[in-house]
N, C-alpha and C. Protein backbone atom coordinates (compact mmCIF):
# COMPACT_ATOMS: atom_id res chain seq x y z
N MET A 1 46.75 31.67 56.17
CA MET A 1 45.73 32.11 57.10
C MET A 1 45.81 31.31 58.40
N MET A 2 45.83 30.00 58.28
CA MET A 2 45.86 29.16 59.48
C MET A 2 47.17 29.32 60.23
N SER A 3 48.28 29.42 59.51
CA SER A 3 49.56 29.58 60.18
C SER A 3 49.64 30.93 60.89
N GLU A 4 48.98 31.94 60.35
CA GLU A 4 48.95 33.24 61.02
C GLU A 4 48.19 33.15 62.34
N LEU A 5 47.10 32.41 62.35
CA LEU A 5 46.34 32.22 63.58
C LEU A 5 47.15 31.44 64.62
N ILE A 6 47.88 30.45 64.18
CA ILE A 6 48.71 29.67 65.10
C ILE A 6 49.81 30.54 65.69
N LEU A 7 50.45 31.36 64.86
CA LEU A 7 51.48 32.26 65.36
C LEU A 7 50.90 33.28 66.34
N LEU A 8 49.72 33.78 66.06
CA LEU A 8 49.06 34.73 66.96
C LEU A 8 48.73 34.06 68.29
N ALA A 9 48.27 32.82 68.25
CA ALA A 9 47.96 32.10 69.49
C ALA A 9 49.22 31.82 70.29
N GLN A 10 50.31 31.50 69.62
CA GLN A 10 51.57 31.24 70.33
C GLN A 10 52.10 32.50 70.99
N GLU A 11 51.89 33.64 70.36
CA GLU A 11 52.34 34.90 70.96
C GLU A 11 51.47 35.29 72.14
N ALA A 12 50.18 34.96 72.08
CA ALA A 12 49.25 35.35 73.14
C ALA A 12 49.24 34.37 74.30
N ALA A 13 49.74 33.16 74.11
CA ALA A 13 49.66 32.13 75.14
C ALA A 13 50.33 32.51 76.45
N PRO A 14 51.54 33.08 76.45
CA PRO A 14 52.13 33.44 77.75
C PRO A 14 51.32 34.49 78.51
N VAL A 15 50.60 35.33 77.79
CA VAL A 15 49.80 36.35 78.45
C VAL A 15 48.51 35.74 78.99
N LEU A 16 47.90 34.85 78.24
CA LEU A 16 46.63 34.26 78.65
C LEU A 16 46.80 33.19 79.73
N TYR A 17 47.80 32.36 79.60
CA TYR A 17 47.97 31.23 80.50
C TYR A 17 49.16 31.47 81.42
N ASN A 18 49.01 32.41 82.34
CA ASN A 18 50.08 32.69 83.28
C ASN A 18 49.73 32.11 84.64
N SER A 19 50.47 32.45 85.66
CA SER A 19 50.25 31.87 86.98
C SER A 19 48.92 32.31 87.58
N LYS A 20 48.46 33.51 87.24
CA LYS A 20 47.17 33.95 87.76
C LYS A 20 46.03 33.11 87.19
N PHE A 21 46.17 32.73 85.95
CA PHE A 21 45.17 31.86 85.34
C PHE A 21 45.17 30.50 86.02
N ALA A 22 46.35 29.98 86.32
CA ALA A 22 46.44 28.68 87.00
C ALA A 22 45.83 28.76 88.40
N ILE A 23 46.05 29.86 89.10
CA ILE A 23 45.46 30.02 90.43
C ILE A 23 43.94 30.09 90.33
N ALA A 24 43.43 30.78 89.33
CA ALA A 24 41.98 30.87 89.15
C ALA A 24 41.37 29.51 88.86
N ILE A 25 42.01 28.74 88.00
CA ILE A 25 41.50 27.40 87.68
C ILE A 25 41.57 26.49 88.91
N ALA A 26 42.67 26.57 89.68
CA ALA A 26 42.80 25.76 90.89
C ALA A 26 41.76 26.16 91.93
N GLY A 27 41.50 27.45 92.07
CA GLY A 27 40.48 27.91 93.01
C GLY A 27 39.09 27.45 92.61
N PHE A 28 38.82 27.51 91.31
CA PHE A 28 37.53 27.02 90.82
C PHE A 28 37.38 25.53 91.07
N GLY A 29 38.44 24.77 90.81
CA GLY A 29 38.40 23.33 91.05
C GLY A 29 38.23 23.00 92.52
N ALA A 30 38.90 23.77 93.38
CA ALA A 30 38.76 23.54 94.83
C ALA A 30 37.34 23.83 95.28
N ALA A 31 36.74 24.89 94.75
CA ALA A 31 35.37 25.23 95.12
C ALA A 31 34.40 24.13 94.68
N ILE A 32 34.60 23.62 93.49
CA ILE A 32 33.75 22.53 93.01
C ILE A 32 33.94 21.29 93.88
N GLY A 33 35.20 20.98 94.22
CA GLY A 33 35.49 19.81 95.06
C GLY A 33 34.88 19.92 96.45
N VAL A 34 35.00 21.08 97.07
CA VAL A 34 34.42 21.28 98.40
C VAL A 34 32.90 21.17 98.34
N GLY A 35 32.31 21.72 97.31
CA GLY A 35 30.86 21.61 97.15
C GLY A 35 30.40 20.17 96.98
N MET A 36 31.16 19.41 96.20
CA MET A 36 30.80 18.00 95.99
C MET A 36 30.95 17.20 97.27
N VAL A 37 32.00 17.47 98.05
CA VAL A 37 32.19 16.76 99.31
C VAL A 37 31.06 17.10 100.28
N GLY A 38 30.71 18.38 100.39
CA GLY A 38 29.62 18.78 101.28
C GLY A 38 28.29 18.18 100.87
N TRP A 39 28.03 18.18 99.57
CA TRP A 39 26.79 17.60 99.07
C TRP A 39 26.72 16.10 99.36
N SER A 40 27.81 15.41 99.13
CA SER A 40 27.85 13.97 99.39
C SER A 40 27.72 13.67 100.89
N ALA A 41 28.34 14.50 101.73
CA ALA A 41 28.24 14.30 103.17
C ALA A 41 26.80 14.52 103.64
N ALA A 42 26.14 15.52 103.11
CA ALA A 42 24.75 15.77 103.48
C ALA A 42 23.86 14.61 103.05
N ASN A 43 24.09 14.07 101.86
CA ASN A 43 23.33 12.91 101.41
C ASN A 43 23.58 11.70 102.29
N ALA A 44 24.83 11.49 102.66
CA ALA A 44 25.17 10.33 103.49
C ALA A 44 24.56 10.45 104.88
N ILE A 45 24.56 11.64 105.45
CA ILE A 45 23.96 11.82 106.77
C ILE A 45 22.44 11.66 106.69
N GLY A 46 21.85 12.09 105.59
CA GLY A 46 20.41 11.88 105.40
C GLY A 46 20.04 10.41 105.32
N ARG A 47 20.92 9.62 104.76
CA ARG A 47 20.65 8.18 104.65
C ARG A 47 20.92 7.44 105.95
N ASN A 48 21.95 7.89 106.69
CA ASN A 48 22.33 7.20 107.92
C ASN A 48 22.72 8.23 108.98
N PRO A 49 21.75 8.79 109.69
CA PRO A 49 22.06 9.83 110.68
C PRO A 49 22.95 9.33 111.82
N GLY A 50 22.97 8.05 112.08
CA GLY A 50 23.79 7.50 113.15
C GLY A 50 25.28 7.59 112.87
N ALA A 51 25.66 7.75 111.62
CA ALA A 51 27.08 7.80 111.25
C ALA A 51 27.55 9.24 111.10
N PHE A 52 26.87 10.17 111.77
CA PHE A 52 27.18 11.59 111.62
C PHE A 52 28.64 11.90 111.93
N GLY A 53 29.17 11.38 113.02
CA GLY A 53 30.55 11.69 113.44
C GLY A 53 31.58 11.23 112.42
N LYS A 54 31.44 10.00 111.95
CA LYS A 54 32.39 9.47 110.98
C LYS A 54 32.30 10.22 109.65
N ILE A 55 31.09 10.53 109.25
CA ILE A 55 30.91 11.26 107.98
C ILE A 55 31.47 12.67 108.10
N LEU A 56 31.29 13.30 109.26
CA LEU A 56 31.81 14.64 109.47
C LEU A 56 33.34 14.66 109.35
N VAL A 57 33.99 13.70 109.98
CA VAL A 57 35.46 13.63 109.91
C VAL A 57 35.92 13.42 108.47
N MET A 58 35.31 12.50 107.78
CA MET A 58 35.69 12.24 106.39
C MET A 58 35.40 13.45 105.49
N GLY A 59 34.29 14.14 105.75
CA GLY A 59 33.96 15.33 104.97
C GLY A 59 34.97 16.45 105.18
N ILE A 60 35.37 16.66 106.44
CA ILE A 60 36.35 17.70 106.72
C ILE A 60 37.69 17.37 106.06
N LEU A 61 38.10 16.10 106.13
CA LEU A 61 39.35 15.70 105.47
C LEU A 61 39.28 15.89 103.96
N GLY A 62 38.16 15.49 103.37
CA GLY A 62 38.00 15.65 101.93
C GLY A 62 38.03 17.10 101.51
N MET A 63 37.39 17.97 102.28
CA MET A 63 37.41 19.39 101.97
C MET A 63 38.82 19.97 102.12
N ALA A 64 39.54 19.53 103.13
CA ALA A 64 40.90 20.03 103.32
C ALA A 64 41.81 19.63 102.16
N PHE A 65 41.66 18.40 101.69
CA PHE A 65 42.49 17.95 100.56
C PHE A 65 42.11 18.71 99.28
N ALA A 66 40.84 18.99 99.08
CA ALA A 66 40.42 19.74 97.90
C ALA A 66 40.95 21.18 97.96
N GLU A 67 40.92 21.78 99.15
CA GLU A 67 41.42 23.15 99.30
C GLU A 67 42.93 23.21 99.13
N ALA A 68 43.63 22.13 99.46
CA ALA A 68 45.09 22.12 99.37
C ALA A 68 45.56 22.36 97.94
N ILE A 69 44.78 21.93 96.97
CA ILE A 69 45.16 22.14 95.57
C ILE A 69 45.25 23.63 95.26
N ALA A 70 44.31 24.41 95.76
CA ALA A 70 44.35 25.85 95.52
C ALA A 70 45.57 26.48 96.20
N PHE A 71 45.93 26.00 97.39
CA PHE A 71 47.10 26.55 98.07
C PHE A 71 48.39 26.18 97.33
N TYR A 72 48.45 24.97 96.79
CA TYR A 72 49.63 24.59 96.00
C TYR A 72 49.78 25.52 94.81
N ALA A 73 48.69 25.81 94.13
CA ALA A 73 48.77 26.67 92.95
C ALA A 73 49.12 28.10 93.33
N ALA A 74 48.66 28.55 94.51
CA ALA A 74 48.89 29.94 94.89
C ALA A 74 50.29 30.17 95.42
N PHE A 75 50.86 29.19 96.12
CA PHE A 75 52.12 29.45 96.82
C PHE A 75 53.33 28.78 96.21
N LEU A 76 53.17 27.83 95.31
CA LEU A 76 54.33 27.25 94.64
C LEU A 76 54.70 28.13 93.47
N PRO A 77 55.97 28.39 93.28
CA PRO A 77 56.36 29.24 92.15
C PRO A 77 56.13 28.53 90.82
N PRO A 78 55.90 29.28 89.75
CA PRO A 78 55.70 28.66 88.44
C PRO A 78 56.93 27.85 88.04
N GLY A 79 56.70 26.68 87.53
CA GLY A 79 57.80 25.82 87.10
C GLY A 79 58.35 24.94 88.20
N ALA A 80 57.83 25.05 89.43
CA ALA A 80 58.31 24.20 90.52
C ALA A 80 57.82 22.78 90.32
N LYS A 81 58.66 21.83 90.69
CA LYS A 81 58.27 20.43 90.50
C LYS A 81 58.14 19.74 91.81
């Protein structure tokens, strides 16, 4: 019984975990990352409004790096190192 389930999972794995799935997970992670950076930047500006310019630059950089992960997943071919 258990070995049948393992064999079924091994046969279904290439269909379930393909490049589209990886792109979806990367996009979800990028969205979470951008949201966290924006939330943290808003909190930091609320605590110290005088540092708005520096926080804005760091927030934009953080969001760009988080978004880059989704672009890597979307445009790099599967199996690329």
